[in-house]
Amino acid sequence: MSAKEKKTKKSTKAEDSCELQVEETTSPNLEHELRSTIDRLQRLQAEFENYKKRSLRNSAVYEQRISDRLILDVLPLYDNLQRAFQSLSSNQDIETFMAGIEQIFAQFQQVLEAKEVSPIETKNRPFDPALHEAMLSVPSDVEKNTIIEEFMPGYVREERVLRPSRVSVSQGPSLNEEESK
């Protein structure tokens, strides 16, 4: 028998004797407390798992309700657009149709204002990467890093960017222009 096997046999004998000593010194009250504690911990773990599942379900329901609210805000706009196109197809009156579209646009702006959504100012403003997305950088007479054109408006809500503005940014006057001055 190798030394390693002897050590393993000795350690298992020592472990067995420790278990016997623990069993001998353990009173029925301690065993009952231990089982009770384990049972309580298992119940708490199960309750926590149920809580996590319930939270996920509640979160999904909450997200659905928020989406439903948004759809309810947009449905009147859709209904009015539908009426405007029906009116155009039956009357062929472009002026009335355009007036209806302008009213719908104003109604849409009211919905955005009610949701505290506002456009990001861009024209002749300094470029801010937190608010703007540069699509082009072109030489111009305007100061460097100044927005010279907006391709798509951006929007903020409560100082949080919903969508950055897509813009063209000035590189400043070209070297040829500066030399000619």
C-alpha atoms as a PDB file:
ATOM      1  CA  MET A   1       0.000   0.000   0.000  1.00  0.00           C
ATOM      2  CA  SER A   2       1.380   3.361  -0.981  1.00  0.00           C
ATOM      3  CA  ALA A   3       1.824   6.296   1.367  1.00  0.00           C
ATOM      4  CA  LYS A   4      -0.933   8.158  -0.455  1.00  0.00           C
ATOM      5  CA  GLU A   5      -3.416   5.318   0.081  1.00  0.00           C
ATOM      6  CA  LYS A   6      -2.438   5.147   3.775  1.00  0.00           C
ATOM      7  CA  LYS A   7      -3.103   8.870   4.189  1.00  0.00           C
ATOM      8  CA  THR A   8      -6.487   8.503   2.435  1.00  0.00           C
ATOM      9  CA  LYS A   9      -7.452   5.620   4.731  1.00  0.00           C
ATOM     10  CA  LYS A  10      -6.366   7.601   7.793  1.00  0.00           C
ATOM     11  CA  SER A  11      -8.341  10.687   6.682  1.00  0.00           C
ATOM     12  CA  THR A  12     -11.498   8.665   6.066  1.00  0.00           C
ATOM     13  CA  LYS A  13     -11.138   7.026   9.510  1.00  0.00           C
ATOM     14  CA  ALA A  14     -10.728  10.485  11.043  1.00  0.00           C
ATOM     15  CA  GLU A  15     -13.764  11.787   9.163  1.00  0.00           C
ATOM     16  CA  ASP A  16     -15.850   8.814  10.270  1.00  0.00           C
ATOM     17  CA  SER A  17     -14.891   9.342  13.878  1.00  0.00           C
ATOM     18  CA  CYS A  18     -15.752  13.049  13.616  1.00  0.00           C
ATOM     19  CA  GLU A  19     -19.155  12.170  12.219  1.00  0.00           C
ATOM     20  CA  LEU A  20     -19.717   9.745  15.045  1.00  0.00           C
ATOM     21  CA  GLN A  21     -18.689  12.356  17.586  1.00  0.00           C
ATOM     22  CA  VAL A  22     -21.009  14.942  15.974  1.00  0.00           C
ATOM     23  CA  GLU A  23     -23.853  12.433  15.924  1.00  0.00           C
ATOM     24  CA  GLU A  24     -23.232  11.551  19.546  1.00  0.00           C
ATOM     25  CA  THR A  25     -23.102  15.172  20.692  1.00  0.00           C
ATOM     26  CA  THR A  26     -26.063  16.272  18.575  1.00  0.00           C
ATOM     27  CA  SER A  27     -29.178  16.450  20.599  1.00  0.00           C
ATOM     28  CA  PRO A  28     -32.651  15.947  19.164  1.00  0.00           C
ATOM     29  CA  ASN A  29     -33.327  19.689  19.639  1.00  0.00           C
ATOM     30  CA  LEU A  30     -30.352  20.641  17.498  1.00  0.00           C
ATOM     31  CA  GLU A  31     -31.402  18.226  14.789  1.00  0.00           C
ATOM     32  CA  HIS A  32     -34.910  19.637  14.849  1.00  0.00           C
ATOM     33  CA  GLU A  33     -33.571  23.207  14.653  1.00  0.00           C
ATOM     34  CA  LEU A  34     -31.295  22.276  11.771  1.00  0.00           C
ATOM     35  CA  ARG A  35     -34.116  20.622   9.824  1.00  0.00           C
ATOM     36  CA  SER A  36     -36.395  23.540  10.586  1.00  0.00           C
ATOM     37  CA  THR A  37     -33.784  26.038   9.367  1.00  0.00           C
ATOM     38  CA  ILE A  38     -33.164  24.059   6.185  1.00  0.00           C
ATOM     39  CA  ASP A  39     -36.906  23.832   5.557  1.00  0.00           C
ATOM     40  CA  ARG A  40     -37.301  27.587   6.119  1.00  0.00           C
ATOM     41  CA  LEU A  41     -34.413  28.345   3.742  1.00  0.00           C
ATOM     42  CA  GLN A  42     -35.899  26.087   1.066  1.00  0.00           C
ATOM     43  CA  ARG A  43     -39.270  27.817   1.414  1.00  0.00           C
ATOM     44  CA  LEU A  44     -37.621  31.231   1.187  1.00  0.00           C
ATOM     45  CA  GLN A  45     -35.768  30.154  -1.936  1.00  0.00           C
ATOM     46  CA  ALA A  46     -39.015  28.928  -3.526  1.00  0.00           C
ATOM     47  CA  GLU A  47     -40.799  32.155  -2.553  1.00  0.00           C
ATOM     48  CA  PHE A  48     -37.990  34.188  -4.100  1.00  0.00           C
ATOM     49  CA  GLU A  49     -38.183  32.199  -7.347  1.00  0.00           C
ATOM     50  CA  ASN A  50     -41.959  32.802  -7.436  1.00  0.00           C
ATOM     51  CA  TYR A  51     -41.356  36.502  -6.768  1.00  0.00           C
ATOM     52  CA  LYS A  52     -38.928  36.729  -9.707  1.00  0.00           C
ATOM     53  CA  LYS A  53     -41.446  35.037 -12.029  1.00  0.00           C
ATOM     54  CA  ARG A  54     -44.271  37.281 -10.808  1.00  0.00           C
ATOM     55  CA  SER A  55     -42.087  40.388 -11.296  1.00  0.00           C
ATOM     56  CA  LEU A  56     -41.295  39.389 -14.872  1.00  0.00           C
ATOM     57  CA  ARG A  57     -44.997  38.858 -15.602  1.00  0.00           C
ATOM     58  CA  ASN A  58     -45.911  42.208 -14.026  1.00  0.00           C
ATOM     59  CA  SER A  59     -43.181  43.939 -15.998  1.00  0.00           C
ATOM     60  CA  ALA A  60     -44.484  42.469 -19.260  1.00  0.00           C
ATOM     61  CA  VAL A  61     -48.042  43.555 -18.420  1.00  0.00           C
ATOM     62  CA  TYR A  62     -46.803  47.047 -17.544  1.00  0.00           C
ATOM     63  CA  GLU A  63     -44.931  47.361 -20.858  1.00  0.00           C
ATOM     64  CA  GLN A  64     -48.043  46.219 -22.731  1.00  0.00           C
ATOM     65  CA  ARG A  65     -50.168  48.854 -20.983  1.00  0.00           C
ATOM     66  CA  ILE A  66     -47.678  51.582 -21.891  1.00  0.00           C
ATOM     67  CA  SER A  67     -47.787  50.470 -25.528  1.00  0.00           C
ATOM     68  CA  ASP A  68     -51.579  50.416 -25.434  1.00  0.00           C
ATOM     69  CA  ARG A  69     -51.628  53.976 -24.091  1.00  0.00           C
ATOM     70  CA  LEU A  70     -49.407  55.171 -26.917  1.00  0.00           C
ATOM     71  CA  ILE A  71     -51.580  53.428 -29.500  1.00  0.00           C
ATOM     72  CA  LEU A  72     -54.682  55.047 -28.004  1.00  0.00           C
ATOM     73  CA  ASP A  73     -53.007  58.459 -28.398  1.00  0.00           C
ATOM     74  CA  VAL A  74     -52.198  57.764 -32.064  1.00  0.00           C
ATOM     75  CA  LEU A  75     -55.503  56.160 -33.108  1.00  0.00           C
ATOM     76  CA  PRO A  76     -57.425  59.476 -33.419  1.00  0.00           C
ATOM     77  CA  LEU A  77     -54.728  60.706 -35.792  1.00  0.00           C
ATOM     78  CA  TYR A  78     -55.069  57.561 -37.869  1.00  0.00           C
ATOM     79  CA  ASP A  79     -58.863  57.898 -37.914  1.00  0.00           C
ATOM     80  CA  ASN A  80     -58.625  61.521 -39.075  1.00  0.00           C
ATOM     81  CA  LEU A  81     -56.149  60.619 -41.826  1.00  0.00           C
ATOM     82  CA  GLN A  82     -58.465  57.883 -42.985  1.00  0.00           C
ATOM     83  CA  ARG A  83     -61.389  60.340 -43.115  1.00  0.00           C
ATOM     84  CA  ALA A  84     -59.268  62.867 -45.020  1.00  0.00           C
ATOM     85  CA  PHE A  85     -58.353  60.339 -47.706  1.00  0.00           C
ATOM     86  CA  GLN A  86     -61.959  59.142 -47.973  1.00  0.00           C
ATOM     87  CA  SER A  87     -63.071  62.748 -48.404  1.00  0.00           C
ATOM     88  CA  LEU A  88     -60.445  63.335 -51.095  1.00  0.00           C
ATOM     89  CA  SER A  89     -61.488  60.232 -53.024  1.00  0.00           C
ATOM     90  CA  SER A  90     -65.172  61.246 -52.993  1.00  0.00           C
ATOM     91  CA  ASN A  91     -64.846  65.051 -53.434  1.00  0.00           C
ATOM     92  CA  GLN A  92     -61.512  65.445 -55.248  1.00  0.00           C
ATOM     93  CA  ASP A  93     -61.169  68.748 -53.335  1.00  0.00           C
ATOM     94  CA  ILE A  94     -57.425  69.214 -52.790  1.00  0.00           C
ATOM     95  CA  GLU A  95     -57.787  72.421 -50.729  1.00  0.00           C
ATOM     96  CA  THR A  96     -60.088  70.779 -48.188  1.00  0.00           C
ATOM     97  CA  PHE A  97     -57.828  67.750 -48.089  1.00  0.00           C
ATOM     98  CA  MET A  98     -54.755  69.904 -47.373  1.00  0.00           C
ATOM     99  CA  ALA A  99     -56.629  71.814 -44.655  1.00  0.00           C
ATOM    100  CA  GLY A 100     -57.535  68.479 -43.044  1.00  0.00           C
ATOM    101  CA  ILE A 101     -53.938  67.271 -43.231  1.00  0.00           C
ATOM    102  CA  GLU A 102     -52.746  70.507 -41.580  1.00  0.00           C
ATOM    103  CA  GLN A 103     -55.243  69.959 -38.746  1.00  0.00           C
ATOM    104  CA  ILE A 104     -54.016  66.390 -38.311  1.00  0.00           C
ATOM    105  CA  PHE A 105     -50.425  67.628 -38.229  1.00  0.00           C
ATOM    106  CA  ALA A 106     -51.385  70.157 -35.520  1.00  0.00           C
ATOM    107  CA  GLN A 107     -53.119  67.368 -33.621  1.00  0.00           C
ATOM    108  CA  PHE A 108     -49.969  65.266 -33.872  1.00  0.00           C
ATOM    109  CA  GLN A 109     -47.902  68.142 -32.482  1.00  0.00           C
ATOM    110  CA  GLN A 110     -50.325  68.363 -29.549  1.00  0.00           C
ATOM    111  CA  VAL A 111     -49.788  64.671 -28.799  1.00  0.00           C
ATOM    112  CA  LEU A 112     -45.999  65.180 -28.823  1.00  0.00           C
ATOM    113  CA  GLU A 113     -46.284  68.235 -26.577  1.00  0.00           C
ATOM    114  CA  ALA A 114     -48.532  66.317 -24.170  1.00  0.00           C
ATOM    115  CA  LYS A 115     -45.815  63.640 -23.990  1.00  0.00           C
ATOM    116  CA  GLU A 116     -43.224  66.415 -23.422  1.00  0.00           C
ATOM    117  CA  VAL A 117     -41.409  65.573 -26.651  1.00  0.00           C
ATOM    118  CA  SER A 118     -39.625  68.509 -28.258  1.00  0.00           C
ATOM    119  CA  PRO A 119     -37.407  68.865 -31.326  1.00  0.00           C
ATOM    120  CA  ILE A 120     -33.675  69.413 -30.974  1.00  0.00           C
ATOM    121  CA  GLU A 121     -32.544  72.813 -32.241  1.00  0.00           C
ATOM    122  CA  THR A 122     -29.876  72.445 -34.910  1.00  0.00           C
ATOM    123  CA  LYS A 123     -29.586  75.269 -37.448  1.00  0.00           C
ATOM    124  CA  ASN A 124     -26.411  77.333 -36.837  1.00  0.00           C
ATOM    125  CA  ARG A 125     -25.824  75.631 -33.477  1.00  0.00           C
ATOM    126  CA  PRO A 126     -22.538  74.041 -32.378  1.00  0.00           C
ATOM    127  CA  PHE A 127     -22.350  70.318 -33.052  1.00  0.00           C
ATOM    128  CA  ASP A 128     -22.965  68.217 -29.926  1.00  0.00           C
ATOM    129  CA  PRO A 129     -22.396  64.468 -30.342  1.00  0.00           C
ATOM    130  CA  ALA A 130     -24.833  63.805 -27.485  1.00  0.00           C
ATOM    131  CA  LEU A 131     -27.644  65.449 -29.490  1.00  0.00           C
ATOM    132  CA  HIS A 132     -26.561  65.210 -33.116  1.00  0.00           C
ATOM    133  CA  GLU A 133     -25.341  62.585 -35.548  1.00  0.00           C
ATOM    134  CA  ALA A 134     -22.995  63.993 -38.192  1.00  0.00           C
ATOM    135  CA  MET A 135     -23.819  62.635 -41.642  1.00  0.00           C
ATOM    136  CA  LEU A 136     -21.529  64.985 -43.580  1.00  0.00           C
ATOM    137  CA  SER A 137     -18.670  67.314 -42.848  1.00  0.00           C
ATOM    138  CA  VAL A 138     -18.274  69.983 -45.515  1.00  0.00           C
ATOM    139  CA  PRO A 139     -16.100  73.075 -45.963  1.00  0.00           C
ATOM    140  CA  SER A 140     -18.041  76.316 -45.577  1.00  0.00           C
ATOM    141  CA  ASP A 141     -17.726  79.934 -44.535  1.00  0.00           C
ATOM    142  CA  VAL A 142     -19.363  79.065 -41.215  1.00  0.00           C
ATOM    143  CA  GLU A 143     -17.249  78.423 -38.108  1.00  0.00           C
ATOM    144  CA  LYS A 144     -15.848  74.904 -37.678  1.00  0.00           C
ATOM    145  CA  ASN A 145     -18.167  72.318 -35.990  1.00  0.00           C
ATOM    146  CA  THR A 146     -21.280  74.401 -36.620  1.00  0.00           C
ATOM    147  CA  ILE A 147     -24.380  72.660 -37.959  1.00  0.00           C
ATOM    148  CA  ILE A 148     -25.242  73.953 -41.417  1.00  0.00           C
ATOM    149  CA  GLU A 149     -28.024  71.574 -42.480  1.00  0.00           C
ATOM    150  CA  GLU A 150     -30.468  69.184 -40.829  1.00  0.00           C
ATOM    151  CA  PHE A 151     -31.337  65.999 -42.722  1.00  0.00           C
ATOM    152  CA  MET A 152     -33.636  64.495 -40.098  1.00  0.00           C
ATOM    153  CA  PRO A 153     -34.901  66.197 -36.938  1.00  0.00           C
ATOM    154  CA  GLY A 154     -34.039  64.792 -33.550  1.00  0.00           C
ATOM    155  CA  TYR A 155     -36.202  64.771 -30.445  1.00  0.00           C
ATOM    156  CA  VAL A 156     -35.726  64.958 -26.680  1.00  0.00           C
ATOM    157  CA  ARG A 157     -38.031  64.123 -23.814  1.00  0.00           C
ATOM    158  CA  GLU A 158     -37.251  65.351 -20.320  1.00  0.00           C
ATOM    159  CA  GLU A 159     -33.658  66.082 -21.377  1.00  0.00           C
ATOM    160  CA  ARG A 160     -33.221  62.510 -22.659  1.00  0.00           C
ATOM    161  CA  VAL A 161     -32.465  62.073 -26.355  1.00  0.00           C
ATOM    162  CA  LEU A 162     -35.084  59.947 -28.075  1.00  0.00           C
ATOM    163  CA  ARG A 163     -33.487  60.288 -31.486  1.00  0.00           C
ATOM    164  CA  PRO A 164     -30.429  62.372 -32.397  1.00  0.00           C
ATOM    165  CA  SER A 165     -30.681  64.917 -35.212  1.00  0.00           C
ATOM    166  CA  ARG A 166     -28.912  63.886 -38.411  1.00  0.00           C
ATOM    167  CA  VAL A 167     -26.948  66.887 -39.588  1.00  0.00           C
ATOM    168  CA  SER A 168     -24.267  68.289 -41.831  1.00  0.00           C
ATOM    169  CA  VAL A 169     -21.393  69.978 -39.989  1.00  0.00           C
ATOM    170  CA  SER A 170     -19.046  72.712 -41.149  1.00  0.00           C
ATOM    171  CA  GLN A 171     -15.328  71.979 -41.439  1.00  0.00           C
ATOM    172  CA  GLY A 172     -14.731  75.706 -41.408  1.00  0.00           C
ATOM    173  CA  PRO A 173     -13.286  77.703 -44.264  1.00  0.00           C
ATOM    174  CA  SER A 174     -11.063  75.657 -46.582  1.00  0.00           C
ATOM    175  CA  LEU A 175      -7.321  76.378 -46.648  1.00  0.00           C
ATOM    176  CA  ASN A 176      -7.626  78.060 -50.085  1.00  0.00           C
ATOM    177  CA  GLU A 177     -10.260  80.462 -48.773  1.00  0.00           C
ATOM    178  CA  GLU A 178      -8.155  81.336 -45.713  1.00  0.00           C
ATOM    179  CA  GLU A 179      -5.075  82.025 -47.847  1.00  0.00           C
ATOM    180  CA  SER A 180      -7.004  84.331 -50.194  1.00  0.00           C
ATOM    181  CA  LYS A 181      -8.119  86.493 -47.252  1.00  0.00           C
END
